Protein backbone atom coordinates (compact mmCIF):
# COMPACT_ATOMS: atom_id res chain seq x y z
CA GLU A 1 -54.80 9.91 52.27
CA VAL A 2 -51.58 11.96 52.86
CA ARG A 3 -53.40 15.27 52.91
CA GLU A 4 -55.99 14.00 55.53
CA ARG A 5 -53.25 12.30 57.68
CA HIS A 6 -55.23 8.95 58.01
CA TYR A 7 -51.97 7.03 58.00
CA ASP A 8 -48.34 7.55 59.00
CA ILE A 9 -47.17 6.27 55.63
CA VAL A 10 -48.93 5.83 52.45
CA VAL A 11 -47.31 3.55 49.77
CA VAL A 12 -48.45 3.74 46.27
CA ASP A 13 -47.47 1.00 43.69
CA ALA A 14 -47.02 3.00 40.63
CA PRO A 15 -47.20 1.65 36.92
CA ALA A 16 -44.39 0.81 34.70
CA SER A 17 -41.49 3.43 34.45
CA GLY A 18 -42.76 4.66 31.15
CA HIS A 19 -46.09 5.87 32.63
CA ILE A 20 -45.19 7.20 36.13
CA VAL A 21 -43.46 10.45 35.05
CA GLY A 22 -46.46 11.58 33.25
CA GLN A 23 -48.66 10.98 36.11
CA LEU A 24 -46.38 12.78 38.63
CA ALA A 25 -46.00 15.68 36.32
CA ALA A 26 -49.62 15.96 35.53
CA PRO A 27 -50.85 18.27 38.42
CA GLN A 28 -48.16 20.83 37.37
CA ALA A 29 -49.42 20.39 33.76
CA ILE A 30 -52.96 20.96 34.79
CA GLN A 31 -52.07 23.87 37.06
CA ASP A 32 -50.25 25.53 34.09
CA LEU A 33 -53.54 25.09 32.05
CA VAL A 34 -56.03 26.02 34.66
CA GLN A 35 -55.70 29.28 36.15
CA VAL A 36 -58.59 29.57 38.88
CA GLY A 37 -61.08 27.36 40.29
CA THR A 38 -61.22 24.06 42.39
CA VAL A 39 -59.19 22.10 39.91
CA ARG A 40 -56.36 24.56 40.42
CA ASP A 41 -56.72 24.38 44.11
CA GLN A 42 -56.59 20.53 44.00
CA THR A 43 -53.55 20.39 41.86
CA GLY A 44 -51.83 23.13 44.08
CA TRP A 45 -52.05 20.97 47.25
CA MET A 46 -51.01 17.82 45.14
CA ILE A 47 -47.80 19.68 43.86
CA ASP A 48 -47.07 20.71 47.48
CA ILE A 49 -47.24 17.14 48.79
CA LEU A 50 -45.40 15.63 45.68
CA SER A 51 -42.50 18.28 45.75
CA ASP A 52 -41.89 17.84 49.59
CA PRO A 53 -39.12 15.32 50.19
CA ALA A 54 -40.06 15.09 53.69
CA GLN A 55 -43.55 13.84 52.51
CA THR A 56 -42.84 12.13 49.19
CA GLY A 57 -40.10 10.11 47.59
CA ALA A 58 -39.95 7.90 44.67
CA VAL A 59 -38.45 4.40 45.26
CA ILE A 60 -37.41 2.47 42.00
CA VAL A 61 -37.10 -1.25 42.02
CA ALA A 62 -34.75 -2.89 39.84
CA THR A 63 -32.60 -6.05 39.40
CA PRO A 64 -28.86 -6.00 38.90
CA GLU A 65 -29.27 -6.62 35.00
CA GLU A 66 -28.28 -4.53 32.07
CA MET A 67 -31.87 -3.54 30.92
CA PRO A 68 -33.44 -2.70 34.37
CA VAL A 69 -30.19 -0.74 35.36
CA ASN A 70 -30.61 1.17 32.17
CA GLU A 71 -34.31 1.84 32.81
CA THR A 72 -33.60 2.89 36.40
CA LEU A 73 -31.01 5.44 35.32
CA GLU A 74 -33.33 6.89 32.56
CA LEU A 75 -36.21 7.03 35.00
CA SER A 76 -34.10 8.74 37.73
CA GLY A 77 -32.97 11.28 35.03
CA ARG A 78 -36.56 11.86 33.93
CA LEU A 79 -37.88 12.13 37.53
CA HIS A 80 -35.27 15.10 38.13
CA ALA A 81 -35.80 16.82 34.79
CA GLU A 82 -39.67 16.46 34.42
CA THR A 83 -41.08 16.40 37.95
CA LYS A 84 -40.51 17.82 41.46
CA VAL A 85 -40.63 14.46 43.11
CA ASP A 86 -37.43 13.38 45.01
CA LEU A 87 -35.80 10.13 44.34
CA ALA A 88 -35.59 8.65 47.81
CA ALA A 89 -33.97 5.35 47.11
CA VAL A 90 -33.47 2.42 44.73
CA VAL A 91 -34.26 -1.26 45.82
CA VAL A 92 -32.02 -3.70 43.99
CA ASN A 93 -33.79 -6.94 43.98
CA ARG A 94 -32.37 -10.50 43.47
CA VAL A 95 -28.79 -9.61 44.54
CA LEU A 96 -26.62 -12.57 44.41
CA PRO A 97 -24.31 -13.55 47.43
CA GLU A 98 -20.78 -14.25 46.80
CA LEU A 99 -20.63 -17.93 47.19
CA PHE A 100 -17.15 -18.49 46.09
CA GLY A 101 -14.02 -16.49 46.34
CA ARG A 102 -10.85 -16.66 44.17
CA GLY A 103 -9.46 -19.43 46.23
CA GLU A 104 -12.57 -21.79 45.48
CA GLU A 105 -12.19 -20.63 41.83
CA LYS A 106 -8.84 -21.90 41.46
CA VAL A 107 -9.92 -25.33 43.12
CA PHE A 108 -12.74 -25.62 40.49
CA ARG A 109 -10.33 -25.00 37.72
CA ALA A 110 -7.85 -27.61 39.09
CA LEU A 111 -10.75 -30.16 39.38
CA ARG A 112 -11.31 -29.81 35.54
CA ASP A 113 -8.10 -31.60 35.18
CA GLU A 114 -9.00 -34.99 33.63
CA ALA A 115 -7.37 -36.94 36.63
CA ALA A 116 -8.76 -34.88 39.24
CA SER A 117 -12.13 -35.09 37.63
CA ALA A 118 -11.88 -38.87 37.36
CA ALA A 119 -10.80 -39.15 41.01
CA LEU A 120 -13.70 -36.90 42.31
CA ALA A 121 -16.33 -38.60 40.20
CA ALA A 122 -15.25 -41.79 41.66
CA ALA A 123 -15.20 -40.49 45.27
CA VAL A 124 -18.80 -39.25 44.77
CA ASP A 125 -19.97 -42.08 42.49
CA GLY A 126 -21.26 -39.72 39.93
CA PRO A 127 -20.43 -36.87 37.34
CA VAL A 128 -18.87 -33.86 38.62
CA ALA A 129 -18.93 -31.56 35.58
CA PRO A 130 -22.42 -30.34 36.22
CA LEU A 131 -21.36 -29.22 39.70
CA LEU A 132 -18.34 -27.60 38.36
CA ASP A 133 -20.37 -25.93 35.69
CA GLY A 134 -22.79 -24.74 38.28
CA ALA A 135 -20.15 -23.13 40.40
CA GLU A 136 -18.70 -21.33 37.43
CA LEU A 137 -21.99 -20.07 36.32
CA ALA A 138 -22.50 -18.73 39.83
CA VAL A 139 -19.32 -16.85 39.75
CA LYS A 140 -20.06 -15.53 36.35
CA MET A 141 -23.40 -14.24 37.25
CA ARG A 142 -22.40 -12.66 40.50
CA ARG A 143 -19.50 -10.86 38.64
CA THR A 144 -21.83 -9.65 35.93
CA ARG A 145 -24.35 -8.38 38.39
CA ALA A 146 -21.84 -6.73 40.39
CA GLU A 147 -20.83 -4.81 37.26
CA HIS A 148 -24.30 -3.63 36.78
CA LEU A 149 -24.53 -2.50 40.31
CA GLY A 150 -21.32 -0.56 39.85
CA GLU A 151 -22.86 1.23 36.67
CA LEU A 152 -26.13 1.82 38.66
CA ARG A 153 -24.33 3.37 41.74
CA ALA A 154 -22.12 5.49 39.41
CA GLY A 155 -25.20 6.71 37.28
CA LEU A 156 -27.44 7.88 40.27
CA PRO A 157 -27.35 11.18 41.83
CA LYS A 158 -25.25 11.49 44.91
CA GLY A 159 -27.09 10.76 48.09
CA VAL A 160 -29.46 8.32 46.47
CA GLU A 161 -29.55 5.34 48.79
CA LEU A 162 -29.11 1.67 47.30
CA LEU A 163 -31.01 -0.91 49.31
CA TYR A 164 -30.05 -4.59 48.44
CA VAL A 165 -32.60 -7.50 48.66
CA PRO A 166 -30.89 -10.85 48.20
CA GLU A 167 -31.87 -13.46 45.69
CA LEU A 168 -34.28 -15.85 47.25
CA PHE A 169 -33.55 -19.36 46.14
CA GLN A 170 -36.91 -20.94 46.45
CA ARG A 171 -39.76 -21.86 44.08
CA THR A 172 -42.61 -20.21 45.66
CA HIS A 173 -43.03 -16.86 47.35
CA GLY A 174 -45.42 -16.72 50.14
CA VAL A 175 -45.56 -15.27 53.62
CA ARG A 176 -42.07 -16.83 54.36
CA ALA A 177 -40.50 -14.97 51.44
CA THR A 178 -42.31 -11.83 52.25
CA ARG A 179 -40.76 -11.91 55.79
CA GLN A 180 -37.43 -12.62 54.33
CA ILE A 181 -37.64 -9.68 52.22
CA ALA A 182 -38.95 -7.48 54.94
CA ASP A 183 -36.04 -8.59 57.17
CA ALA A 184 -33.48 -7.69 54.29
CA LEU A 185 -35.04 -4.32 53.83
CA SER A 186 -35.05 -3.66 57.52
CA ALA A 187 -31.45 -4.61 57.75
CA GLU A 188 -30.66 -2.32 55.03
CA LEU A 189 -32.44 0.58 56.54
CA GLY A 190 -30.71 -0.06 59.80
CA TYR A 191 -33.85 -1.19 61.94
């Protein structure tokens, strides 16, 4: 499709990171083996397309967690070392917003005081510990994910763009969620 220019953009949803490098490197490996003929010609134009950053760029999608970040950094290194495909960007999915600042954290700690908790529980006519636990969990998750984002940013080659997609706090993902993700990516890209 790229060669025949039927479309402005062709997006290929690739297999898991363990398989994609071999597939992207295959045309070069075949060309190294086959010296003449149609197969060599076909792999030649494939290599031209894959190695031209104006035409082809890999986009890795990850989440801001330890294993996906490590896999992304490994894949980035392998793409560079084993293929001629440019790493165009990394999309980081499920990025948490900063819900609470340090001021709110101090308030949450103060509300853990027995007298404050009792007064608050009486005011809302129910237990407040689960709410405070949830707030603390949100802060911990945000900080942990921010650390992983820092590791990702530091480990990627200079110039590779990080695009953030926010966590969608909903149970199902349909057209509405797709639009929210498209809007988030559009904003990240400056459109």
